[in-house]
């Protein structure tokens, strides 16, 4: 009977050691998984920030190009108006004077 009790005690001790080892291993695995999740989150955040920066830079570059094109168009339109005025200012003045006189 004592040998059965001793065997059960040995089995229980072995089972406790296995459970304790499993708990330690579980903690190690959980810690490793958390570190991997943290690393993934950091890398994802860095990649996302880089993509946002790239999109922002491209958008700013496109906007600057559009603004420069519009400035060039506006300057050309102003030059055309100035040429038109220089060419026809006498005609315009006469037309204005004629309207004033007719009223």
PDB file of N, CA and C in Angstrom:
ATOM      1  N   UNK A   1       0.824  -1.187   0.000  1.00  0.00           N
ATOM      2  CA  UNK A   1       0.000   0.000   0.000  1.00  0.00           C
ATOM      3  C   UNK A   1       0.871   1.255   0.000  1.00  0.00           C
ATOM      4  N   UNK A   2       1.941   1.247   0.766  1.00  0.00           N
ATOM      5  CA  UNK A   2       2.839   2.404   0.812  1.00  0.00           C
ATOM      6  C   UNK A   2       3.478   2.642  -0.553  1.00  0.00           C
ATOM      7  N   UNK A   3       3.791   1.570  -1.260  1.00  0.00           N
ATOM      8  CA  UNK A   3       4.403   1.762  -2.575  1.00  0.00           C
ATOM      9  C   UNK A   3       3.407   2.383  -3.553  1.00  0.00           C
ATOM     10  N   UNK A   4       2.121   2.071  -3.429  1.00  0.00           N
ATOM     11  CA  UNK A   4       1.093   2.673  -4.281  1.00  0.00           C
ATOM     12  C   UNK A   4       0.976   4.156  -3.944  1.00  0.00           C
ATOM     13  N   UNK A   5       0.980   4.470  -2.663  1.00  0.00           N
ATOM     14  CA  UNK A   5       0.889   5.866  -2.227  1.00  0.00           C
ATOM     15  C   UNK A   5       2.138   6.625  -2.688  1.00  0.00           C
ATOM     16  N   UNK A   6       3.288   5.996  -2.553  1.00  0.00           N
ATOM     17  CA  UNK A   6       4.525   6.644  -3.005  1.00  0.00           C
ATOM     18  C   UNK A   6       4.486   6.868  -4.513  1.00  0.00           C
ATOM     19  N   UNK A   7       3.992   5.867  -5.248  1.00  0.00           N
ATOM     20  CA  UNK A   7       3.892   6.005  -6.702  1.00  0.00           C
ATOM     21  C   UNK A   7       2.937   7.143  -7.072  1.00  0.00           C
ATOM     22  N   UNK A   8       1.788   7.207  -6.375  1.00  0.00           N
ATOM     23  CA  UNK A   8       0.832   8.290  -6.627  1.00  0.00           C
ATOM     24  C   UNK A   8       1.459   9.647  -6.299  1.00  0.00           C
ATOM     25  N   UNK A   9       2.219   9.703  -5.231  1.00  0.00           N
ATOM     26  CA  UNK A   9       2.895  10.940  -4.840  1.00  0.00           C
ATOM     27  C   UNK A   9       3.910  11.336  -5.908  1.00  0.00           C
ATOM     28  N   UNK A  10       4.637  10.354  -6.421  1.00  0.00           N
ATOM     29  CA  UNK A  10       5.610  10.626  -7.481  1.00  0.00           C
ATOM     30  C   UNK A  10       4.899  11.118  -8.746  1.00  0.00           C
ATOM     31  N   UNK A  11       3.783  10.454  -9.076  1.00  0.00           N
ATOM     32  CA  UNK A  11       3.015  10.849 -10.252  1.00  0.00           C
ATOM     33  C   UNK A  11       2.479  12.266 -10.080  1.00  0.00           C
ATOM     34  N   UNK A  12       1.964  12.554  -8.878  1.00  0.00           N
ATOM     35  CA  UNK A  12       1.443  13.898  -8.605  1.00  0.00           C
ATOM     36  C   UNK A  12       2.554  14.932  -8.675  1.00  0.00           C
ATOM     37  N   UNK A  13       3.723  14.634  -8.137  1.00  0.00           N
ATOM     38  CA  UNK A  13       4.859  15.557  -8.184  1.00  0.00           C
ATOM     39  C   UNK A  13       5.282  15.787  -9.638  1.00  0.00           C
ATOM     40  N   UNK A  14       5.320  14.704 -10.414  1.00  0.00           N
ATOM     41  CA  UNK A  14       5.693  14.825 -11.824  1.00  0.00           C
ATOM     42  C   UNK A  14       4.659  15.669 -12.569  1.00  0.00           C
ATOM     43  N   UNK A  15       3.387  15.431 -12.278  1.00  0.00           N
ATOM     44  CA  UNK A  15       2.315  16.197 -12.918  1.00  0.00           C
ATOM     45  C   UNK A  15       2.425  17.670 -12.551  1.00  0.00           C
ATOM     46  N   UNK A  16       2.712  17.963 -11.289  1.00  0.00           N
ATOM     47  CA  UNK A  16       2.873  19.351 -10.856  1.00  0.00           C
ATOM     48  C   UNK A  16       4.059  19.995 -11.563  1.00  0.00           C
ATOM     49  N   UNK A  17       5.145  19.245 -11.712  1.00  0.00           N
ATOM     50  CA  UNK A  17       6.326  19.770 -12.404  1.00  0.00           C
ATOM     51  C   UNK A  17       5.990  20.057 -13.866  1.00  0.00           C
ATOM     52  N   UNK A  18       5.219  19.142 -14.477  1.00  0.00           N
ATOM     53  CA  UNK A  18       4.820  19.343 -15.874  1.00  0.00           C
ATOM     54  C   UNK A  18       3.940  20.572 -15.998  1.00  0.00           C
ATOM     55  N   UNK A  19       2.970  20.718 -15.096  1.00  0.00           N
ATOM     56  CA  UNK A  19       2.073  21.876 -15.123  1.00  0.00           C
ATOM     57  C   UNK A  19       2.866  23.152 -14.892  1.00  0.00           C
ATOM     58  N   UNK A  20       3.799  23.138 -13.947  1.00  0.00           N
ATOM     59  CA  UNK A  20       4.620  24.316 -13.659  1.00  0.00           C
ATOM     60  C   UNK A  20       5.461  24.690 -14.875  1.00  0.00           C
ATOM     61  N   UNK A  21       6.055  23.669 -15.499  1.00  0.00           N
ATOM     62  CA  UNK A  21       6.855  23.921 -16.700  1.00  0.00           C
ATOM     63  C   UNK A  21       5.965  24.485 -17.819  1.00  0.00           C
ATOM     64  N   UNK A  22       4.765  23.924 -17.956  1.00  0.00           N
ATOM     65  CA  UNK A  22       3.843  24.402 -18.978  1.00  0.00           C
ATOM     66  C   UNK A  22       3.457  25.850 -18.714  1.00  0.00           C
ATOM     67  N   UNK A  23       3.235  26.216 -17.451  1.00  0.00           N
ATOM     68  CA  UNK A  23       2.898  27.608 -17.097  1.00  0.00           C
ATOM     69  C   UNK A  23       4.050  28.546 -17.449  1.00  0.00           C
ATOM     70  N   UNK A  24       5.280  28.106 -17.131  1.00  0.00           N
ATOM     71  CA  UNK A  24       6.451  28.925 -17.466  1.00  0.00           C
ATOM     72  C   UNK A  24       6.562  29.093 -18.979  1.00  0.00           C
ATOM     73  N   UNK A  25       6.393  27.995 -19.675  1.00  0.00           N
ATOM     74  CA  UNK A  25       6.484  28.025 -21.147  1.00  0.00           C
ATOM     75  C   UNK A  25       5.379  28.916 -21.725  1.00  0.00           C
ATOM     76  N   UNK A  26       4.182  28.824 -21.145  1.00  0.00           N
ATOM     77  CA  UNK A  26       3.061  29.654 -21.590  1.00  0.00           C
ATOM     78  C   UNK A  26       3.404  31.130 -21.420  1.00  0.00           C
ATOM     79  N   UNK A  27       3.983  31.486 -20.278  1.00  0.00           N
ATOM     80  CA  UNK A  27       4.369  32.877 -20.030  1.00  0.00           C
ATOM     81  C   UNK A  27       5.412  33.341 -21.048  1.00  0.00           C
ATOM     82  N   UNK A  28       6.383  32.470 -21.335  1.00  0.00           N
ATOM     83  CA  UNK A  28       7.414  32.818 -22.313  1.00  0.00           C
ATOM     84  C   UNK A  28       6.791  33.037 -23.699  1.00  0.00           C
ATOM     85  N   UNK A  29       5.883  32.143 -24.088  1.00  0.00           N
ATOM     86  CA  UNK A  29       5.234  32.249 -25.393  1.00  0.00           C
ATOM     87  C   UNK A  29       4.383  33.515 -25.459  1.00  0.00           C
ATOM     88  N   UNK A  30       3.634  33.808 -24.384  1.00  0.00           N
ATOM     89  CA  UNK A  30       2.822  35.026 -24.353  1.00  0.00           C
ATOM     90  C   UNK A  30       3.692  36.270 -24.469  1.00  0.00           C
ATOM     91  N   UNK A  31       4.821  36.265 -23.767  1.00  0.00           N
ATOM     92  CA  UNK A  31       5.737  37.405 -23.824  1.00  0.00           C
ATOM     93  C   UNK A  31       6.290  37.567 -25.234  1.00  0.00           C
ATOM     94  N   UNK A  32       6.691  36.457 -25.850  1.00  0.00           N
ATOM     95  CA  UNK A  32       7.224  36.507 -27.215  1.00  0.00           C
ATOM     96  C   UNK A  32       6.157  37.003 -28.194  1.00  0.00           C
ATOM     97  N   UNK A  33       4.934  36.508 -28.064  1.00  0.00           N
ATOM     98  CA  UNK A  33       3.849  36.945 -28.937  1.00  0.00           C
ATOM     99  C   UNK A  33       3.587  38.438 -28.776  1.00  0.00           C
ATOM    100  N   UNK A  34       3.619  38.924 -27.534  1.00  0.00           N
ATOM    101  CA  UNK A  34       3.396  40.356 -27.299  1.00  0.00           C
ATOM    102  C   UNK A  34       4.504  41.180 -27.933  1.00  0.00           C
ATOM    103  N   UNK A  35       5.746  40.698 -27.817  1.00  0.00           N
ATOM    104  CA  UNK A  35       6.861  41.416 -28.447  1.00  0.00           C
ATOM    105  C   UNK A  35       6.694  41.454 -29.959  1.00  0.00           C
ATOM    106  N   UNK A  36       6.262  40.347 -30.542  1.00  0.00           N
ATOM    107  CA  UNK A  36       6.046  40.302 -31.987  1.00  0.00           C
ATOM    108  C   UNK A  36       4.900  41.222 -32.403  1.00  0.00           C
ATOM    109  N   UNK A  37       3.826  41.264 -31.610  1.00  0.00           N
ATOM    110  CA  UNK A  37       2.719  42.178 -31.904  1.00  0.00           C
ATOM    111  C   UNK A  37       3.182  43.629 -31.822  1.00  0.00           C
ATOM    112  N   UNK A  38       3.967  43.938 -30.785  1.00  0.00           N
ATOM    113  CA  UNK A  38       4.480  45.302 -30.624  1.00  0.00           C
ATOM    114  C   UNK A  38       5.366  45.688 -31.812  1.00  0.00           C
ATOM    115  N   UNK A  39       6.230  44.764 -32.223  1.00  0.00           N
ATOM    116  CA  UNK A  39       7.111  45.022 -33.364  1.00  0.00           C
ATOM    117  C   UNK A  39       6.281  45.236 -34.630  1.00  0.00           C
ATOM    118  N   UNK A  40       5.287  44.390 -34.832  1.00  0.00           N
ATOM    119  CA  UNK A  40       4.408  44.525 -36.002  1.00  0.00           C
ATOM    120  C   UNK A  40       3.705  45.877 -35.987  1.00  0.00           C
ATOM    121  N   UNK A  41       3.178  46.267 -34.823  1.00  0.00           N
ATOM    122  CA  UNK A  41       2.484  47.554 -34.697  1.00  0.00           C
ATOM    123  C   UNK A  41       3.415  48.718 -35.021  1.00  0.00           C
ATOM    124  N   UNK A  42       4.658  48.658 -34.498  1.00  0.00           N
ATOM    125  CA  UNK A  42       5.622  49.734 -34.767  1.00  0.00           C
ATOM    126  C   UNK A  42       5.933  49.810 -36.266  1.00  0.00           C
ATOM    127  N   UNK A  43       6.183  48.648 -36.862  1.00  0.00           N
ATOM    128  CA  UNK A  43       6.513  48.628 -38.289  1.00  0.00           C
ATOM    129  C   UNK A  43       5.336  49.109 -39.132  1.00  0.00           C
ATOM    130  N   UNK A  44       4.138  48.695 -38.761  1.00  0.00           N
ATOM    131  CA  UNK A  44       2.947  49.139 -39.487  1.00  0.00           C
ATOM    132  C   UNK A  44       2.783  50.647 -39.366  1.00  0.00           C
ATOM    133  N   UNK A  45       2.984  51.157 -38.167  1.00  0.00           N
ATOM    134  CA  UNK A  45       2.867  52.605 -37.955  1.00  0.00           C
ATOM    135  C   UNK A  45       3.906  53.357 -38.775  1.00  0.00           C
ATOM    136  N   UNK A  46       5.136  52.834 -38.825  1.00  0.00           N
ATOM    137  CA  UNK A  46       6.193  53.480 -39.611  1.00  0.00           C
ATOM    138  C   UNK A  46       5.860  53.457 -41.101  1.00  0.00           C
ATOM    139  N   UNK A  47       5.390  52.299 -41.592  1.00  0.00           N
ATOM    140  CA  UNK A  47       5.036  52.197 -43.018  1.00  0.00           C
ATOM    141  C   UNK A  47       3.871  53.130 -43.348  1.00  0.00           C
ATOM    142  N   UNK A  48       2.899  53.179 -42.461  1.00  0.00           N
ATOM    143  CA  UNK A  48       1.736  54.045 -42.678  1.00  0.00           C
ATOM    144  C   UNK A  48       2.158  55.513 -42.695  1.00  0.00           C
ATOM    145  N   UNK A  49       2.997  55.895 -41.746  1.00  0.00           N
ATOM    146  CA  UNK A  49       3.471  57.284 -41.686  1.00  0.00           C
ATOM    147  C   UNK A  49       4.252  57.630 -42.952  1.00  0.00           C
ATOM    148  N   UNK A  50       5.055  56.696 -43.440  1.00  0.00           N
ATOM    149  CA  UNK A  50       5.826  56.932 -44.659  1.00  0.00           C
ATOM    150  C   UNK A  50       4.899  57.090 -45.863  1.00  0.00           C
ATOM    151  N   UNK A  51       3.875  56.257 -45.949  1.00  0.00           N
ATOM    152  CA  UNK A  51       2.923  56.367 -47.065  1.00  0.00           C
ATOM    153  C   UNK A  51       2.167  57.693 -46.999  1.00  0.00           C
ATOM    154  N   UNK A  52       1.758  58.093 -45.805  1.00  0.00           N
ATOM    155  CA  UNK A  52       1.049  59.367 -45.638  1.00  0.00           C
ATOM    156  C   UNK A  52       1.961  60.523 -46.041  1.00  0.00           C
ATOM    157  N   UNK A  53       3.222  60.460 -45.634  1.00  0.00           N
ATOM    158  CA  UNK A  53       4.184  61.512 -45.985  1.00  0.00           C
ATOM    159  C   UNK A  53       4.367  61.569 -47.499  1.00  0.00           C
ATOM    160  N   UNK A  54       4.473  60.408 -48.114  1.00  0.00           N
ATOM    161  CA  UNK A  54       4.661  60.356 -49.564  1.00  0.00           C
ATOM    162  C   UNK A  54       3.443  60.929 -50.287  1.00  0.00           C
ATOM    163  N   UNK A  55       2.260  60.549 -49.847  1.00  0.00           N
ATOM    164  CA  UNK A  55       1.025  61.069 -50.454  1.00  0.00           C
ATOM    165  C   UNK A  55       0.940  62.578 -50.269  1.00  0.00           C
ATOM    166  N   UNK A  56       1.276  63.042 -49.073  1.00  0.00           N
ATOM    167  CA  UNK A  56       1.239  64.490 -48.789  1.00  0.00           C
ATOM    168  C   UNK A  56       2.228  65.237 -49.685  1.00  0.00           C
ATOM    169  N   UNK A  57       3.440  64.687 -49.825  1.00  0.00           N
ATOM    170  CA  UNK A  57       4.446  65.332 -50.669  1.00  0.00           C
ATOM    171  C   UNK A  57       4.001  65.371 -52.128  1.00  0.00           C
ATOM    172  N   UNK A  58       3.445  64.252 -52.607  1.00  0.00           N
ATOM    173  CA  UNK A  58       2.974  64.206 -53.998  1.00  0.00           C
ATOM    174  C   UNK A  58       1.830  65.200 -54.213  1.00  0.00           C
ATOM    175  N   UNK A  59       0.926  65.273 -53.255  1.00  0.00           N
ATOM    176  CA  UNK A  59      -0.202  66.212 -53.370  1.00  0.00           C
ATOM    177  C   UNK A  59       0.299  67.646 -53.373  1.00  0.00           C
ATOM    178  N   UNK A  60       1.239  67.940 -52.514  1.00  0.00           N
ATOM    179  CA  UNK A  60       1.787  69.299 -52.454  1.00  0.00           C
ATOM    180  C   UNK A  60       2.488  69.646 -53.766  1.00  0.00           C
ATOM    181  N   UNK A  61       3.221  68.684 -54.306  1.00  0.00           N
ATOM    182  CA  UNK A  61       3.913  68.903 -55.571  1.00  0.00           C
ATOM    183  C   UNK A  61       2.903  69.156 -56.697  1.00  0.00           C
ATOM    184  N   UNK A  62       1.835  68.374 -56.734  1.00  0.00           N
ATOM    185  CA  UNK A  62       0.798  68.571 -57.761  1.00  0.00           C
ATOM    186  C   UNK A  62       0.142  69.939 -57.605  1.00  0.00           C
ATOM    187  N   UNK A  63      -0.153  70.322 -56.355  1.00  0.00           N
ATOM    188  CA  UNK A  63      -0.788  71.623 -56.116  1.00  0.00           C
ATOM    189  C   UNK A  63       0.137  72.756 -56.545  1.00  0.00           C
ATOM    190  N   UNK A  64       1.417  72.632 -56.225  1.00  0.00           N
ATOM    191  CA  UNK A  64       2.369  73.668 -56.637  1.00  0.00           C
ATOM    192  C   UNK A  64       2.432  73.774 -58.152  1.00  0.00           C
ATOM    193  N   UNK A  65       2.396  72.637 -58.827  1.00  0.00           N
ATOM    194  CA  UNK A  65       2.424  72.642 -60.292  1.00  0.00           C
ATOM    195  C   UNK A  65       1.172  73.320 -60.841  1.00  0.00           C
ATOM    196  N   UNK A  66       0.019  72.994 -60.273  1.00  0.00           N
ATOM    197  CA  UNK A  66      -1.236  73.605 -60.718  1.00  0.00           C
ATOM    198  C   UNK A  66      -1.205  75.113 -60.490  1.00  0.00           C
ATOM    199  N   UNK A  67      -0.709  75.537 -59.334  1.00  0.00           N
ATOM    200  CA  UNK A  67      -0.628  76.973 -59.024  1.00  0.00           C
ATOM    201  C   UNK A  67       0.297  77.679 -60.022  1.00  0.00           C
ATOM    202  N   UNK A  68       1.439  77.057 -60.311  1.00  0.00           N
ATOM    203  CA  UNK A  68       2.374  77.678 -61.265  1.00  0.00           C
ATOM    204  C   UNK A  68       1.759  77.759 -62.657  1.00  0.00           C
ATOM    205  N   UNK A  69       1.060  76.701 -63.080  1.00  0.00           N
ATOM    206  CA  UNK A  69       0.400  76.728 -64.385  1.00  0.00           C
ATOM    207  C   UNK A  69      -0.663  77.830 -64.430  1.00  0.00           C
ATOM    208  N   UNK A  70      -1.420  77.968 -63.340  1.00  0.00           N
ATOM    209  CA  UNK A  70      -2.460  78.999 -63.299  1.00  0.00           C
ATOM    210  C   UNK A  70      -1.845  80.394 -63.306  1.00  0.00           C
ATOM    211  N   UNK A  71      -0.727  80.562 -62.598  1.00  0.00           N
ATOM    212  CA  UNK A  71      -0.044  81.862 -62.617  1.00  0.00           C
ATOM    213  C   UNK A  71       0.408  82.200 -64.029  1.00  0.00           C
ATOM    214  N   UNK A  72       0.953  81.203 -64.716  1.00  0.00           N
ATOM    215  CA  UNK A  72       1.423  81.436 -66.092  1.00  0.00           C
ATOM    216  C   UNK A  72       0.248  81.813 -66.994  1.00  0.00           C
ATOM    217  N   UNK A  73      -0.876  81.118 -66.850  1.00  0.00           N
ATOM    218  CA  UNK A  73      -2.063  81.446 -67.651  1.00  0.00           C
ATOM    219  C   UNK A  73      -2.547  82.858 -67.345  1.00  0.00           C
ATOM    220  N   UNK A  74      -2.592  83.199 -66.052  1.00  0.00           N
ATOM    221  CA  UNK A  74      -3.052  84.540 -65.653  1.00  0.00           C
ATOM    222  C   UNK A  74      -2.119  85.621 -66.187  1.00  0.00           C
ATOM    223  N   UNK A  75      -0.818  85.374 -66.099  1.00  0.00           N
ATOM    224  CA  UNK A  75       0.143  86.353 -66.616  1.00  0.00           C
ATOM    225  C   UNK A  75      -0.013  86.513 -68.122  1.00  0.00           C
ATOM    226  N   UNK A  76      -0.218  85.409 -68.826  1.00  0.00           N
ATOM    227  CA  UNK A  76      -0.414  85.482 -70.280  1.00  0.00           C
ATOM    228  C   UNK A  76      -1.694  86.240 -70.607  1.00  0.00           C
ATOM    229  N   UNK A  77      -2.757  85.960 -69.848  1.00  0.00           N
ATOM    230  CA  UNK A  77      -4.021  86.669 -70.079  1.00  0.00           C
ATOM    231  C   UNK A  77      -3.847  88.162 -69.822  1.00  0.00           C
ATOM    232  N   UNK A  78      -3.112  88.531 -68.778  1.00  0.00           N
ATOM    233  CA  UNK A  78      -2.868  89.949 -68.480  1.00  0.00           C
ATOM    234  C   UNK A  78      -2.057  90.596 -69.598  1.00  0.00           C
ATOM    235  N   UNK A  79      -1.035  89.888 -70.097  1.00  0.00           N
ATOM    236  CA  UNK A  79      -0.238  90.437 -71.212  1.00  0.00           C
ATOM    237  C   UNK A  79      -1.107  90.618 -72.468  1.00  0.00           C
ATOM    238  N   UNK A  80      -1.968  89.656 -72.718  1.00  0.00           N
ATOM    239  CA  UNK A  80      -2.861  89.768 -73.880  1.00  0.00           C
ATOM    240  C   UNK A  80      -3.790  90.969 -73.744  1.00  0.00           C
ATOM    241  N   UNK A  81      -4.329  91.156 -72.527  1.00  0.00           N
ATOM    242  CA  UNK A  81      -5.201  92.318 -72.297  1.00  0.00           C
ATOM    243  C   UNK A  81      -4.438  93.623 -72.466  1.00  0.00           C
ATOM    244  N   UNK A  82      -3.215  93.667 -71.975  1.00  0.00           N
ATOM    245  CA  UNK A  82      -2.395  94.873 -72.126  1.00  0.00           C
ATOM    246  C   UNK A  82      -2.110  95.154 -73.605  1.00  0.00           C
ATOM    247  N   UNK A  83      -1.792  94.116 -74.365  1.00  0.00           N
ATOM    248  CA  UNK A  83      -1.552  94.299 -75.808  1.00  0.00           C
ATOM    249  C   UNK A  83      -2.825  94.790 -76.497  1.00  0.00           C
ATOM    250  N   UNK A  84      -3.942  94.179 -76.127  1.00  0.00           N
ATOM    251  CA  UNK A  84      -5.231  94.579 -76.708  1.00  0.00           C
ATOM    252  C   UNK A  84      -5.512  96.043 -76.383  1.00  0.00           C
ATOM    253  N   UNK A  85      -5.238  96.429 -75.136  1.00  0.00           N
ATOM    254  CA  UNK A  85      -5.473  97.815 -74.742  1.00  0.00           C
ATOM    255  C   UNK A  85      -4.552  98.763 -75.502  1.00  0.00           C
ATOM    256  N   UNK A  86      -3.268  98.413 -75.570  1.00  0.00           N
ATOM    257  CA  UNK A  86      -2.310  99.265 -76.290  1.00  0.00           C
ATOM    258  C   UNK A  86      -2.713  99.416 -77.754  1.00  0.00           C
ATOM    259  N   UNK A  87      -3.210  98.363 -78.332  1.00  0.00           N
ATOM    260  CA  UNK A  87      -3.584  98.384 -79.741  1.00  0.00           C
ATOM    261  C   UNK A  87      -4.870  99.184 -79.972  1.00  0.00           C
ATOM    262  N   UNK A  88      -5.831  99.057 -79.058  1.00  0.00           N
ATOM    263  CA  UNK A  88      -7.166  99.614 -79.308  1.00  0.00           C
ATOM    264  C   UNK A  88      -7.607 100.681 -78.298  1.00  0.00           C
ATOM    265  N   UNK A  89      -6.699 101.207 -77.510  1.00  0.00           N
ATOM    266  CA  UNK A  89      -7.136 102.144 -76.475  1.00  0.00           C
ATOM    267  C   UNK A  89      -7.786 103.395 -77.063  1.00  0.00           C
ATOM    268  N   UNK A  90      -7.345 103.805 -78.203  1.00  0.00           N
ATOM    269  CA  UNK A  90      -7.952 104.986 -78.832  1.00  0.00           C
ATOM    270  C   UNK A  90      -9.397 104.684 -79.232  1.00  0.00           C
ATOM    271  N   UNK A  91      -9.619 103.516 -79.796  1.00  0.00           N
ATOM    272  CA  UNK A  91     -10.971 103.118 -80.201  1.00  0.00           C
ATOM    273  C   UNK A  91     -11.870 103.043 -78.975  1.00  0.00           C
ATOM    274  N   UNK A  92     -11.348 102.473 -77.893  1.00  0.00           N
ATOM    275  CA  UNK A  92     -12.138 102.352 -76.661  1.00  0.00           C
ATOM    276  C   UNK A  92     -12.488 103.736 -76.115  1.00  0.00           C
ATOM    277  N   UNK A  93     -11.497 104.621 -76.105  1.00  0.00           N
ATOM    278  CA  UNK A  93     -11.727 105.975 -75.594  1.00  0.00           C
ATOM    279  C   UNK A  93     -12.773 106.695 -76.434  1.00  0.00           C
ATOM    280  N   UNK A  94     -12.692 106.558 -77.743  1.00  0.00           N
ATOM    281  CA  UNK A  94     -13.663 107.206 -78.625  1.00  0.00           C
ATOM    282  C   UNK A  94     -15.066 106.644 -78.396  1.00  0.00           C
ATOM    283  N   UNK A  95     -15.170 105.325 -78.202  1.00  0.00           N
ATOM    284  CA  UNK A  95     -16.479 104.700 -77.962  1.00  0.00           C
ATOM    285  C   UNK A  95     -17.063 105.197 -76.650  1.00  0.00           C
ATOM    286  N   UNK A  96     -16.227 105.338 -75.634  1.00  0.00           N
ATOM    287  CA  UNK A  96     -16.697 105.838 -74.339  1.00  0.00           C
ATOM    288  C   UNK A  96     -17.150 107.289 -74.478  1.00  0.00           C
ATOM    289  N   UNK A  97     -16.369 108.076 -75.140  1.00  0.00           N
ATOM    290  CA  UNK A  97     -16.708 109.482 -75.334  1.00  0.00           C
ATOM    291  C   UNK A  97     -18.014 109.616 -76.119  1.00  0.00           C
ATOM    292  N   UNK A  98     -18.181 108.806 -77.154  1.00  0.00           N
ATOM    293  CA  UNK A  98     -19.407 108.854 -77.960  1.00  0.00           C
ATOM    294  C   UNK A  98     -20.625 108.517 -77.117  1.00  0.00           C
ATOM    295  N   UNK A  99     -20.522 107.530 -76.227  1.00  0.00           N
ATOM    296  CA  UNK A  99     -21.636 107.155 -75.350  1.00  0.00           C
ATOM    297  C   UNK A  99     -21.977 108.293 -74.390  1.00  0.00           C
ATOM    298  N   UNK A 100     -20.922 108.928 -73.866  1.00  0.00           N
ATOM    299  CA  UNK A 100     -21.134 110.026 -72.930  1.00  0.00           C
ATOM    300  C   UNK A 100     -21.848 111.185 -73.631  1.00  0.00           C
ATOM    301  N   UNK A 101     -21.435 111.484 -74.830  1.00  0.00           N
ATOM    302  CA  UNK A 101     -22.006 112.615 -75.572  1.00  0.00           C
ATOM    303  C   UNK A 101     -23.460 112.339 -75.949  1.00  0.00           C
ATOM    304  N   UNK A 102     -23.766 111.070 -76.301  1.00  0.00           N
ATOM    305  CA  UNK A 102     -25.097 110.724 -76.723  1.00  0.00           C
ATOM    306  C   UNK A 102     -26.104 110.793 -75.595  1.00  0.00           C
ATOM    307  N   UNK A 103     -25.709 110.662 -74.395  1.00  0.00           N
ATOM    308  CA  UNK A 103     -26.641 110.623 -73.267  1.00  0.00           C
ATOM    309  C   UNK A 103     -27.111 111.965 -72.897  1.00  0.00           C
TER     310      UNK A 103
END
